[in-house]
């Protein structure tokens, strides 16, 4: 899994891969006479953190191949990243339909993979920073881009249920959303059969 990197780090990776490939180890001295000590440490720290290089031992590094680096940019990262969240949230909309229907309805692909998440209105700045730190594009209420991205839905209060895949809005609310659109009819019928309720008859946290 790799993350997007700024131009200066990409140029450093290109230098390392051009000189050493993916099998020959190198040390931080590869940037001697090119950058200062603090910048050198910053570049190596960033490339390690974002997955473009790996540690071979205490002082040596290896490049991953460009093919792996590019493919890694489109891997699904949000399900793992969201587990580190420190603020309340709930998957909603099409993301909730995916979860409650056990993914019989799937909205995502490598080309386009949105996540719709309810967050407290006061926490919107926190969530923007949180996802930006992981190089995940984030929008408020609407937006779109290539690959994974987040749509934040600000609310005053969050009703949520804990599922294996994270926090999600209650089943009754999810089924009501699915029932409104024929595109999600199969997912709605699946949920109705599995849980034994309709969109208007749920009780409790369901």
N, C-alpha and C. Protein backbone atom coordinates (compact mmCIF):
# COMPACT_ATOMS: atom_id res chain seq x y z
N UNK A 1 0.85 -1.19 0.00
CA UNK A 1 0.00 0.00 0.00
C UNK A 1 0.88 1.24 0.00
N UNK A 2 0.69 2.11 -0.97
CA UNK A 2 1.44 3.36 -1.03
C UNK A 2 0.48 4.54 -0.96
N UNK A 3 1.04 5.70 -0.64
CA UNK A 3 0.27 6.94 -0.59
C UNK A 3 0.90 7.95 -1.53
N UNK A 4 0.12 8.94 -1.93
CA UNK A 4 0.64 9.99 -2.79
C UNK A 4 1.75 10.75 -2.08
N UNK A 5 2.73 11.21 -2.86
CA UNK A 5 3.86 11.93 -2.28
C UNK A 5 4.09 13.22 -3.08
N UNK A 6 4.65 14.24 -2.43
CA UNK A 6 4.94 15.49 -3.15
C UNK A 6 6.06 15.31 -4.15
N UNK A 7 6.20 16.31 -5.03
CA UNK A 7 7.16 16.21 -6.12
C UNK A 7 8.59 15.97 -5.69
N UNK A 8 9.04 16.63 -4.62
CA UNK A 8 10.43 16.47 -4.19
C UNK A 8 10.71 15.03 -3.77
N UNK A 9 9.73 14.37 -3.13
CA UNK A 9 9.91 12.98 -2.71
C UNK A 9 9.86 12.05 -3.92
N UNK A 10 9.00 12.37 -4.88
CA UNK A 10 8.93 11.55 -6.09
C UNK A 10 10.24 11.62 -6.87
N UNK A 11 10.84 12.79 -6.91
CA UNK A 11 12.14 12.92 -7.61
C UNK A 11 13.22 12.11 -6.89
N UNK A 12 13.18 12.11 -5.56
CA UNK A 12 14.16 11.32 -4.80
C UNK A 12 13.96 9.84 -5.08
N UNK A 13 12.70 9.39 -5.07
CA UNK A 13 12.42 7.98 -5.39
C UNK A 13 12.93 7.65 -6.79
N UNK A 14 12.68 8.53 -7.75
CA UNK A 14 13.12 8.29 -9.13
C UNK A 14 14.65 8.16 -9.19
N UNK A 15 15.34 8.99 -8.41
CA UNK A 15 16.80 8.90 -8.35
C UNK A 15 17.25 7.57 -7.79
N UNK A 16 16.63 7.16 -6.67
CA UNK A 16 17.00 5.89 -6.04
C UNK A 16 16.73 4.71 -6.97
N UNK A 17 15.55 4.69 -7.59
CA UNK A 17 15.20 3.55 -8.43
C UNK A 17 16.08 3.50 -9.68
N UNK A 18 16.39 4.66 -10.24
CA UNK A 18 17.25 4.71 -11.43
C UNK A 18 18.64 4.17 -11.12
N UNK A 19 19.16 4.49 -9.93
CA UNK A 19 20.52 4.08 -9.57
C UNK A 19 20.59 2.66 -9.01
N UNK A 20 19.55 2.26 -8.25
CA UNK A 20 19.65 1.01 -7.49
C UNK A 20 18.60 -0.04 -7.84
N UNK A 21 17.60 0.33 -8.61
CA UNK A 21 16.55 -0.63 -8.92
C UNK A 21 15.78 -1.00 -7.65
N UNK A 22 15.22 -2.22 -7.64
CA UNK A 22 14.45 -2.65 -6.47
C UNK A 22 15.16 -3.73 -5.65
N UNK A 23 16.39 -4.07 -6.03
CA UNK A 23 17.11 -5.15 -5.34
C UNK A 23 18.39 -4.70 -4.67
N UNK A 24 18.97 -3.61 -5.15
CA UNK A 24 20.24 -3.15 -4.58
C UNK A 24 19.96 -2.19 -3.42
N UNK A 25 20.43 -2.51 -2.21
CA UNK A 25 20.19 -1.63 -1.06
C UNK A 25 21.03 -0.36 -1.14
N UNK A 26 20.55 0.69 -0.48
CA UNK A 26 21.27 1.96 -0.44
C UNK A 26 21.09 2.58 0.94
N UNK A 27 21.91 3.58 1.23
CA UNK A 27 21.83 4.26 2.52
C UNK A 27 21.45 5.72 2.29
N UNK A 28 21.30 6.45 3.39
CA UNK A 28 20.95 7.86 3.26
C UNK A 28 22.07 8.69 2.65
N UNK A 29 23.25 8.12 2.58
CA UNK A 29 24.35 8.85 1.95
C UNK A 29 24.10 9.05 0.46
N UNK A 30 23.11 8.36 -0.09
CA UNK A 30 22.76 8.55 -1.50
C UNK A 30 22.36 9.98 -1.80
N UNK A 31 21.95 10.72 -0.76
CA UNK A 31 21.55 12.12 -0.96
C UNK A 31 22.60 13.12 -0.46
N UNK A 32 23.77 12.61 -0.04
CA UNK A 32 24.84 13.52 0.37
C UNK A 32 25.23 14.42 -0.80
N UNK A 33 25.53 15.65 -0.51
CA UNK A 33 25.90 16.67 -1.49
C UNK A 33 24.71 17.11 -2.36
N UNK A 34 23.52 16.55 -2.07
CA UNK A 34 22.34 16.95 -2.84
C UNK A 34 21.39 17.75 -1.96
N UNK A 35 21.17 17.27 -0.74
CA UNK A 35 20.29 17.97 0.19
C UNK A 35 20.97 18.12 1.54
N UNK A 36 20.42 18.99 2.36
CA UNK A 36 20.92 19.13 3.71
C UNK A 36 20.47 17.96 4.57
N UNK A 37 21.03 17.87 5.77
CA UNK A 37 20.74 16.74 6.65
C UNK A 37 19.26 16.67 7.02
N UNK A 38 18.67 17.79 7.38
CA UNK A 38 17.26 17.78 7.79
C UNK A 38 16.35 17.39 6.63
N UNK A 39 16.64 17.89 5.42
CA UNK A 39 15.82 17.54 4.26
C UNK A 39 16.00 16.09 3.90
N UNK A 40 17.22 15.57 4.03
CA UNK A 40 17.50 14.16 3.75
C UNK A 40 16.68 13.27 4.67
N UNK A 41 16.67 13.60 5.96
CA UNK A 41 15.90 12.81 6.92
C UNK A 41 14.40 12.90 6.62
N UNK A 42 13.96 14.08 6.21
CA UNK A 42 12.54 14.27 5.88
C UNK A 42 12.14 13.40 4.69
N UNK A 43 12.99 13.36 3.66
CA UNK A 43 12.68 12.57 2.46
C UNK A 43 12.61 11.09 2.78
N UNK A 44 13.60 10.58 3.51
CA UNK A 44 13.60 9.15 3.84
C UNK A 44 12.43 8.80 4.75
N UNK A 45 12.13 9.65 5.70
CA UNK A 45 11.00 9.39 6.59
C UNK A 45 9.69 9.35 5.80
N UNK A 46 9.51 10.27 4.89
CA UNK A 46 8.29 10.33 4.09
C UNK A 46 8.16 9.13 3.17
N UNK A 47 9.24 8.77 2.48
CA UNK A 47 9.19 7.63 1.55
C UNK A 47 8.93 6.32 2.29
N UNK A 48 9.47 6.19 3.49
CA UNK A 48 9.18 5.00 4.31
C UNK A 48 7.72 4.98 4.76
N UNK A 49 7.25 6.11 5.26
CA UNK A 49 5.89 6.19 5.78
C UNK A 49 4.86 5.93 4.69
N UNK A 50 5.11 6.40 3.49
CA UNK A 50 4.15 6.27 2.39
C UNK A 50 4.34 4.99 1.58
N UNK A 51 5.36 4.20 1.91
CA UNK A 51 5.52 2.89 1.30
C UNK A 51 6.32 2.81 0.02
N UNK A 52 6.98 3.90 -0.38
CA UNK A 52 7.72 3.88 -1.64
C UNK A 52 9.08 3.21 -1.50
N UNK A 53 9.64 3.23 -0.30
CA UNK A 53 10.86 2.47 0.00
C UNK A 53 10.61 1.65 1.26
N UNK A 54 11.44 0.63 1.47
CA UNK A 54 11.32 -0.23 2.63
C UNK A 54 12.69 -0.38 3.28
N UNK A 55 12.69 -0.64 4.58
CA UNK A 55 13.96 -0.86 5.27
C UNK A 55 14.42 -2.30 5.08
N UNK A 56 15.69 -2.45 4.68
CA UNK A 56 16.28 -3.79 4.58
C UNK A 56 16.91 -4.17 5.91
N UNK A 57 17.60 -3.23 6.52
CA UNK A 57 18.15 -3.40 7.86
C UNK A 57 18.26 -2.01 8.48
N UNK A 58 19.01 -1.88 9.53
CA UNK A 58 19.04 -0.61 10.27
C UNK A 58 19.43 0.58 9.41
N UNK A 59 20.36 0.39 8.49
CA UNK A 59 20.90 1.52 7.73
C UNK A 59 20.64 1.45 6.22
N UNK A 60 20.03 0.37 5.77
CA UNK A 60 19.86 0.19 4.32
C UNK A 60 18.39 0.13 3.92
N UNK A 61 18.13 0.59 2.70
CA UNK A 61 16.77 0.68 2.18
C UNK A 61 16.69 0.04 0.81
N UNK A 62 15.47 -0.32 0.43
CA UNK A 62 15.20 -0.85 -0.90
C UNK A 62 14.00 -0.12 -1.49
N UNK A 63 14.03 0.15 -2.80
CA UNK A 63 12.88 0.71 -3.48
C UNK A 63 11.87 -0.41 -3.78
N UNK A 64 10.60 -0.10 -3.68
CA UNK A 64 9.62 -1.01 -4.26
C UNK A 64 9.56 -0.69 -5.75
N UNK A 65 9.03 -1.57 -6.55
CA UNK A 65 8.99 -1.33 -7.99
C UNK A 65 7.96 -0.25 -8.32
N UNK A 66 8.16 0.47 -9.41
CA UNK A 66 7.16 1.48 -9.82
C UNK A 66 5.78 0.86 -10.02
N UNK A 67 5.74 -0.38 -10.53
CA UNK A 67 4.45 -1.04 -10.74
C UNK A 67 3.68 -1.19 -9.43
N UNK A 68 4.38 -1.64 -8.39
CA UNK A 68 3.74 -1.80 -7.08
C UNK A 68 3.35 -0.45 -6.50
N UNK A 69 4.20 0.54 -6.69
CA UNK A 69 3.91 1.87 -6.15
C UNK A 69 2.65 2.45 -6.78
N UNK A 70 2.53 2.33 -8.09
CA UNK A 70 1.37 2.89 -8.79
C UNK A 70 0.11 2.12 -8.42
N UNK A 71 0.18 0.80 -8.40
CA UNK A 71 -0.98 0.00 -8.03
C UNK A 71 -1.41 0.29 -6.59
N UNK A 72 -0.43 0.51 -5.72
CA UNK A 72 -0.73 0.77 -4.32
C UNK A 72 -1.52 2.05 -4.11
N UNK A 73 -1.37 3.01 -5.03
CA UNK A 73 -2.11 4.28 -4.90
C UNK A 73 -3.60 4.07 -5.03
N UNK A 74 -4.02 2.97 -5.68
CA UNK A 74 -5.44 2.73 -5.90
C UNK A 74 -6.01 1.64 -5.00
N UNK A 75 -5.21 1.14 -4.06
CA UNK A 75 -5.73 0.15 -3.12
C UNK A 75 -6.70 0.80 -2.15
N UNK A 76 -7.64 0.01 -1.63
CA UNK A 76 -8.62 0.51 -0.68
C UNK A 76 -7.98 0.66 0.70
N UNK A 77 -7.85 1.89 1.18
CA UNK A 77 -7.18 2.16 2.44
C UNK A 77 -8.14 2.57 3.55
N UNK A 78 -9.28 3.15 3.17
CA UNK A 78 -10.18 3.73 4.16
C UNK A 78 -10.63 2.74 5.24
N UNK A 79 -11.00 1.48 4.89
CA UNK A 79 -11.44 0.55 5.94
C UNK A 79 -10.41 0.35 7.05
N UNK A 80 -9.12 0.43 6.71
CA UNK A 80 -8.07 0.30 7.72
C UNK A 80 -7.85 1.63 8.45
N UNK A 81 -7.80 2.71 7.68
CA UNK A 81 -7.54 4.02 8.26
C UNK A 81 -8.62 4.43 9.26
N UNK A 82 -9.87 4.13 8.93
CA UNK A 82 -10.99 4.58 9.77
C UNK A 82 -10.93 3.97 11.17
N UNK A 83 -10.25 2.84 11.32
CA UNK A 83 -10.14 2.22 12.65
C UNK A 83 -9.30 3.06 13.60
N UNK A 84 -8.54 4.02 13.05
CA UNK A 84 -7.70 4.88 13.88
C UNK A 84 -8.42 6.16 14.29
N UNK A 85 -9.67 6.28 13.88
CA UNK A 85 -10.42 7.51 14.14
C UNK A 85 -10.62 7.73 15.64
N UNK A 86 -10.53 8.99 16.05
CA UNK A 86 -10.70 9.35 17.46
C UNK A 86 -12.00 10.09 17.71
N UNK A 87 -12.78 10.31 16.65
CA UNK A 87 -14.05 11.03 16.76
C UNK A 87 -15.19 10.12 16.29
N UNK A 88 -16.42 10.37 16.77
CA UNK A 88 -17.56 9.55 16.32
C UNK A 88 -17.88 9.76 14.86
N UNK A 89 -18.33 8.70 14.21
CA UNK A 89 -18.70 8.75 12.79
C UNK A 89 -19.67 7.62 12.51
N UNK A 90 -20.30 7.66 11.35
CA UNK A 90 -21.14 6.54 10.92
C UNK A 90 -21.20 6.52 9.41
N UNK A 91 -20.87 5.37 8.81
CA UNK A 91 -21.07 5.22 7.37
C UNK A 91 -22.56 5.42 7.08
N UNK A 92 -22.87 6.14 6.02
CA UNK A 92 -24.25 6.43 5.69
C UNK A 92 -24.46 6.30 4.18
N UNK A 93 -25.67 6.55 3.72
CA UNK A 93 -25.96 6.52 2.29
C UNK A 93 -25.60 5.19 1.64
N UNK A 94 -24.97 5.28 0.48
CA UNK A 94 -24.61 4.06 -0.25
C UNK A 94 -23.61 3.20 0.51
N UNK A 95 -22.77 3.83 1.32
CA UNK A 95 -21.82 3.05 2.13
C UNK A 95 -22.54 2.20 3.16
N UNK A 96 -23.61 2.75 3.76
CA UNK A 96 -24.39 1.99 4.73
C UNK A 96 -25.14 0.85 4.05
N UNK A 97 -25.64 1.10 2.84
CA UNK A 97 -26.34 0.04 2.10
C UNK A 97 -25.38 -1.11 1.81
N UNK A 98 -24.16 -0.80 1.43
CA UNK A 98 -23.14 -1.84 1.23
C UNK A 98 -22.98 -2.70 2.48
N UNK A 99 -22.77 -2.04 3.61
CA UNK A 99 -22.46 -2.75 4.85
C UNK A 99 -23.63 -3.61 5.32
N UNK A 100 -24.83 -3.01 5.41
CA UNK A 100 -25.98 -3.75 5.93
C UNK A 100 -26.44 -4.86 4.99
N UNK A 101 -26.14 -4.73 3.69
CA UNK A 101 -26.53 -5.77 2.73
C UNK A 101 -25.43 -6.80 2.53
N UNK A 102 -24.40 -6.76 3.39
CA UNK A 102 -23.28 -7.71 3.26
C UNK A 102 -22.63 -7.63 1.89
N UNK A 103 -22.64 -6.42 1.32
CA UNK A 103 -21.98 -6.14 0.04
C UNK A 103 -22.60 -6.87 -1.15
N UNK A 104 -23.90 -7.21 -1.06
CA UNK A 104 -24.57 -7.68 -2.28
C UNK A 104 -24.72 -6.50 -3.23
N UNK A 105 -24.74 -5.28 -2.66
CA UNK A 105 -24.64 -4.07 -3.47
C UNK A 105 -23.27 -3.48 -3.21
N UNK A 106 -22.50 -3.24 -4.26
CA UNK A 106 -21.16 -2.68 -4.12
C UNK A 106 -21.06 -1.46 -5.04
N UNK A 107 -20.67 -0.33 -4.47
CA UNK A 107 -20.59 0.91 -5.24
C UNK A 107 -19.18 1.25 -5.69
N UNK A 108 -18.19 0.46 -5.25
CA UNK A 108 -16.82 0.90 -5.46
C UNK A 108 -16.04 0.06 -6.46
N UNK A 109 -15.03 0.70 -7.04
CA UNK A 109 -14.08 0.05 -7.94
C UNK A 109 -12.78 0.84 -7.83
N UNK A 110 -11.75 0.40 -8.46
CA UNK A 110 -10.49 1.14 -8.41
C UNK A 110 -10.65 2.51 -9.07
N UNK A 111 -11.54 2.58 -10.08
CA UNK A 111 -11.74 3.85 -10.76
C UNK A 111 -12.44 4.87 -9.88
N UNK A 112 -13.41 4.40 -9.08
CA UNK A 112 -14.22 5.32 -8.27
C UNK A 112 -14.66 4.60 -7.00
N UNK A 113 -14.24 5.12 -5.84
CA UNK A 113 -14.54 4.44 -4.59
C UNK A 113 -14.90 5.45 -3.51
N UNK A 114 -16.17 5.93 -3.51
CA UNK A 114 -16.57 6.92 -2.51
C UNK A 114 -16.99 6.27 -1.19
N UNK A 115 -16.78 6.99 -0.11
CA UNK A 115 -17.28 6.60 1.21
C UNK A 115 -18.09 7.77 1.77
N UNK A 116 -19.33 7.50 2.15
CA UNK A 116 -20.19 8.53 2.70
C UNK A 116 -20.23 8.37 4.22
N UNK A 117 -19.83 9.41 4.94
CA UNK A 117 -19.66 9.30 6.38
C UNK A 117 -20.32 10.48 7.09
N UNK A 118 -21.22 10.17 8.01
CA UNK A 118 -21.79 11.20 8.87
C UNK A 118 -20.78 11.53 9.97
N UNK A 119 -20.57 12.82 10.18
CA UNK A 119 -19.70 13.28 11.26
C UNK A 119 -20.38 14.47 11.95
N UNK A 120 -20.01 14.74 13.17
CA UNK A 120 -20.54 15.91 13.85
C UNK A 120 -20.05 17.18 13.16
N UNK A 121 -20.94 18.13 13.01
CA UNK A 121 -20.59 19.36 12.30
C UNK A 121 -19.35 20.03 12.89
N UNK A 122 -19.26 20.02 14.21
CA UNK A 122 -18.12 20.67 14.87
C UNK A 122 -16.81 19.94 14.61
N UNK A 123 -16.88 18.67 14.17
CA UNK A 123 -15.68 17.87 13.94
C UNK A 123 -15.19 17.88 12.50
N UNK A 124 -15.87 18.60 11.62
CA UNK A 124 -15.49 18.60 10.20
C UNK A 124 -14.02 18.97 9.99
N UNK A 125 -13.48 20.02 10.63
CA UNK A 125 -12.05 20.34 10.45
C UNK A 125 -11.14 19.17 10.85
N UNK A 126 -11.51 18.50 11.95
CA UNK A 126 -10.71 17.35 12.40
C UNK A 126 -10.68 16.27 11.32
N UNK A 127 -11.85 15.95 10.75
CA UNK A 127 -11.92 14.88 9.75
C UNK A 127 -11.19 15.25 8.46
N UNK A 128 -11.27 16.49 8.07
CA UNK A 128 -10.53 16.93 6.88
C UNK A 128 -9.03 16.68 7.08
N UNK A 129 -8.52 17.10 8.23
CA UNK A 129 -7.10 16.92 8.53
C UNK A 129 -6.76 15.44 8.62
N UNK A 130 -7.62 14.66 9.27
CA UNK A 130 -7.39 13.24 9.47
C UNK A 130 -7.19 12.51 8.13
N UNK A 131 -8.09 12.73 7.19
CA UNK A 131 -7.98 12.03 5.91
C UNK A 131 -6.88 12.62 5.02
N UNK A 132 -6.68 13.92 5.09
CA UNK A 132 -5.61 14.53 4.30
C UNK A 132 -4.25 14.02 4.73
N UNK A 133 -4.09 13.72 6.02
CA UNK A 133 -2.83 13.17 6.51
C UNK A 133 -2.54 11.80 5.90
N UNK A 134 -3.61 11.12 5.47
CA UNK A 134 -3.44 9.81 4.83
C UNK A 134 -3.60 9.88 3.31
N UNK A 135 -3.52 11.10 2.78
CA UNK A 135 -3.61 11.33 1.33
C UNK A 135 -4.92 10.82 0.73
N UNK A 136 -6.00 10.92 1.49
CA UNK A 136 -7.33 10.55 0.99
C UNK A 136 -8.10 11.83 0.70
N UNK A 137 -8.50 12.07 -0.55
CA UNK A 137 -9.28 13.27 -0.86
C UNK A 137 -10.57 13.30 -0.05
N UNK A 138 -10.93 14.47 0.44
CA UNK A 138 -12.11 14.59 1.29
C UNK A 138 -12.94 15.80 0.86
N UNK A 139 -14.26 15.60 0.79
CA UNK A 139 -15.19 16.65 0.40
C UNK A 139 -16.30 16.74 1.44
N UNK A 140 -16.98 17.87 1.46
CA UNK A 140 -18.13 18.04 2.35
C UNK A 140 -19.40 18.03 1.51
N UNK A 141 -20.23 17.02 1.73
CA UNK A 141 -21.55 16.84 1.11
C UNK A 141 -21.51 16.42 -0.35
N UNK A 142 -20.57 16.93 -1.13
CA UNK A 142 -20.51 16.53 -2.53
C UNK A 142 -19.09 16.66 -3.06
N UNK A 143 -18.76 15.86 -4.06
CA UNK A 143 -17.44 15.89 -4.66
C UNK A 143 -17.12 14.55 -5.30
N UNK A 144 -16.08 14.50 -6.13
CA UNK A 144 -15.73 13.25 -6.81
C UNK A 144 -14.31 13.35 -7.34
N UNK A 145 -13.62 12.20 -7.39
CA UNK A 145 -12.29 12.14 -7.97
C UNK A 145 -11.98 10.70 -8.33
N UNK A 146 -10.80 10.45 -8.86
CA UNK A 146 -10.37 9.10 -9.20
C UNK A 146 -9.98 8.35 -7.93
N UNK A 147 -10.36 7.07 -7.84
CA UNK A 147 -9.97 6.25 -6.71
C UNK A 147 -10.80 6.51 -5.47
N UNK A 148 -10.19 6.29 -4.31
CA UNK A 148 -10.90 6.48 -3.03
C UNK A 148 -11.06 7.96 -2.70
N UNK A 149 -12.21 8.29 -2.13
CA UNK A 149 -12.40 9.62 -1.59
C UNK A 149 -13.53 9.58 -0.56
N UNK A 150 -13.57 10.62 0.28
CA UNK A 150 -14.52 10.71 1.37
C UNK A 150 -15.53 11.82 1.12
N UNK A 151 -16.80 11.54 1.36
CA UNK A 151 -17.83 12.57 1.39
C UNK A 151 -18.30 12.70 2.84
N UNK A 152 -17.99 13.81 3.47
CA UNK A 152 -18.43 14.05 4.84
C UNK A 152 -19.85 14.63 4.83
N UNK A 153 -20.71 14.06 5.65
CA UNK A 153 -22.08 14.56 5.81
C UNK A 153 -22.19 15.13 7.22
N UNK A 154 -22.10 16.45 7.38
CA UNK A 154 -22.15 17.05 8.72
C UNK A 154 -23.56 16.95 9.33
N UNK A 155 -23.64 16.54 10.58
CA UNK A 155 -24.92 16.44 11.29
C UNK A 155 -24.73 16.96 12.70
N UNK A 156 -25.85 17.26 13.37
CA UNK A 156 -25.79 17.74 14.74
C UNK A 156 -25.65 16.59 15.73
N UNK A 157 -26.21 15.44 15.37
CA UNK A 157 -26.18 14.27 16.24
C UNK A 157 -26.08 13.01 15.39
N UNK A 158 -25.28 12.05 15.83
CA UNK A 158 -25.07 10.82 15.07
C UNK A 158 -25.75 9.65 15.78
N UNK A 159 -26.60 8.95 15.05
CA UNK A 159 -27.14 7.67 15.53
C UNK A 159 -26.34 6.59 14.82
N UNK A 160 -25.75 5.67 15.56
CA UNK A 160 -24.88 4.68 14.93
C UNK A 160 -25.01 3.31 15.57
N UNK A 161 -24.61 2.31 14.80
CA UNK A 161 -24.54 0.92 15.25
C UNK A 161 -23.15 0.41 14.93
N UNK A 162 -22.56 -0.36 15.82
CA UNK A 162 -21.24 -0.92 15.57
C UNK A 162 -21.34 -2.21 14.77
N UNK A 163 -20.64 -2.25 13.63
CA UNK A 163 -20.55 -3.46 12.81
C UNK A 163 -19.07 -3.82 12.68
N UNK A 164 -18.80 -5.02 12.14
CA UNK A 164 -17.42 -5.46 11.99
C UNK A 164 -16.62 -4.49 11.13
N UNK A 165 -17.28 -3.84 10.18
CA UNK A 165 -16.60 -2.94 9.26
C UNK A 165 -16.54 -1.51 9.78
N UNK A 166 -17.04 -1.26 10.99
CA UNK A 166 -17.00 0.08 11.56
C UNK A 166 -18.38 0.55 12.00
N UNK A 167 -18.49 1.83 12.31
CA UNK A 167 -19.76 2.40 12.73
C UNK A 167 -20.62 2.72 11.50
N UNK A 168 -21.91 2.46 11.63
CA UNK A 168 -22.83 2.66 10.49
C UNK A 168 -24.15 3.16 11.03
N UNK A 169 -24.89 3.92 10.20
CA UNK A 169 -26.21 4.38 10.63
C UNK A 169 -27.12 3.17 10.81
N UNK A 170 -28.18 3.29 11.62
CA UNK A 170 -29.05 2.14 11.89
C UNK A 170 -29.68 1.53 10.65
N UNK A 171 -30.03 0.26 10.77
CA UNK A 171 -30.61 -0.50 9.67
C UNK A 171 -31.89 0.13 9.14
N UNK A 172 -32.77 0.55 10.02
CA UNK A 172 -34.04 1.13 9.58
C UNK A 172 -33.82 2.31 8.65
N UNK A 173 -32.90 3.20 9.01
CA UNK A 173 -32.59 4.36 8.17
C UNK A 173 -31.98 3.92 6.84
N UNK A 174 -31.11 2.93 6.89
CA UNK A 174 -30.47 2.43 5.68
C UNK A 174 -31.48 1.82 4.73
N UNK A 175 -32.40 1.03 5.27
CA UNK A 175 -33.41 0.40 4.43
C UNK A 175 -34.34 1.43 3.81
N UNK A 176 -34.63 2.49 4.54
CA UNK A 176 -35.47 3.56 3.98
C UNK A 176 -34.78 4.20 2.77
N UNK A 177 -33.45 4.41 2.87
CA UNK A 177 -32.70 4.97 1.75
C UNK A 177 -32.70 4.01 0.56
N UNK A 178 -32.52 2.72 0.83
CA UNK A 178 -32.48 1.72 -0.24
C UNK A 178 -33.85 1.60 -0.93
N UNK A 179 -34.91 1.73 -0.16
CA UNK A 179 -36.25 1.58 -0.71
C UNK A 179 -36.62 2.70 -1.65
N UNK A 180 -36.00 3.86 -1.49
CA UNK A 180 -36.34 5.04 -2.28
C UNK A 180 -35.86 4.95 -3.72
N UNK A 181 -34.94 4.06 -4.03
CA UNK A 181 -34.35 4.00 -5.37
C UNK A 181 -34.35 2.57 -5.89
N UNK A 182 -34.91 2.37 -7.09
CA UNK A 182 -35.00 1.02 -7.66
C UNK A 182 -33.63 0.40 -7.88
N UNK A 183 -32.59 1.22 -8.01
CA UNK A 183 -31.24 0.68 -8.21
C UNK A 183 -30.81 -0.20 -7.05
N UNK A 184 -31.35 0.07 -5.87
CA UNK A 184 -30.95 -0.66 -4.67
C UNK A 184 -32.02 -1.65 -4.23
N UNK A 185 -32.92 -2.01 -5.16
CA UNK A 185 -34.03 -2.90 -4.81
C UNK A 185 -33.53 -4.27 -4.34
N UNK A 186 -32.50 -4.79 -4.99
CA UNK A 186 -31.99 -6.10 -4.61
C UNK A 186 -31.39 -6.04 -3.21
N UNK A 187 -30.64 -4.98 -2.93
CA UNK A 187 -30.05 -4.83 -1.60
C UNK A 187 -31.16 -4.67 -0.56
N UNK A 188 -32.21 -3.92 -0.88
CA UNK A 188 -33.33 -3.75 0.05
C UNK A 188 -34.00 -5.08 0.35
N UNK A 189 -34.27 -5.86 -0.68
CA UNK A 189 -34.92 -7.16 -0.49
C UNK A 189 -34.02 -8.11 0.31
N UNK A 190 -32.72 -8.02 0.06
CA UNK A 190 -31.78 -8.85 0.81
C UNK A 190 -31.85 -8.50 2.30
N UNK A 191 -31.81 -7.21 2.61
CA UNK A 191 -31.87 -6.79 4.01
C UNK A 191 -33.21 -7.16 4.64
N UNK A 192 -34.26 -6.97 3.89
CA UNK A 192 -35.60 -7.29 4.40
C UNK A 192 -35.71 -8.77 4.74
N UNK A 193 -35.16 -9.63 3.89
CA UNK A 193 -35.21 -11.07 4.14
C UNK A 193 -34.29 -11.46 5.29
N UNK A 194 -33.09 -10.90 5.32
CA UNK A 194 -32.12 -11.28 6.35
C UNK A 194 -32.57 -10.86 7.74
N UNK A 195 -33.05 -9.62 7.86
CA UNK A 195 -33.37 -9.07 9.18
C UNK A 195 -34.84 -9.18 9.55
N UNK A 196 -35.68 -9.56 8.57
CA UNK A 196 -37.08 -9.79 8.87
C UNK A 196 -37.88 -8.56 9.17
N UNK A 197 -37.45 -7.41 8.64
CA UNK A 197 -38.20 -6.19 8.84
C UNK A 197 -38.32 -5.44 7.52
N UNK A 198 -39.22 -4.46 7.48
CA UNK A 198 -39.35 -3.57 6.33
C UNK A 198 -38.77 -2.22 6.72
N UNK A 199 -38.74 -1.33 5.77
CA UNK A 199 -38.15 -0.02 6.04
C UNK A 199 -38.92 0.78 7.06
N UNK A 200 -40.17 0.42 7.32
CA UNK A 200 -40.98 1.21 8.24
C UNK A 200 -41.32 0.47 9.53
N UNK A 201 -40.79 -0.76 9.69
CA UNK A 201 -41.18 -1.54 10.87
C UNK A 201 -40.04 -1.84 11.83
N UNK A 202 -38.84 -1.25 11.60
CA UNK A 202 -37.71 -1.54 12.47
C UNK A 202 -37.90 -0.95 13.85
N UNK A 203 -37.24 -1.53 14.83
CA UNK A 203 -37.31 -1.04 16.20
C UNK A 203 -35.91 -1.01 16.80
N UNK A 204 -35.79 -0.29 17.90
CA UNK A 204 -34.51 -0.27 18.62
C UNK A 204 -33.39 0.31 17.78
N UNK A 205 -32.16 -0.16 17.99
CA UNK A 205 -31.02 0.33 17.27
C UNK A 205 -30.95 -0.14 15.84
N UNK A 206 -31.74 -1.18 15.50
CA UNK A 206 -31.75 -1.60 14.12
C UNK A 206 -32.27 -0.50 13.21
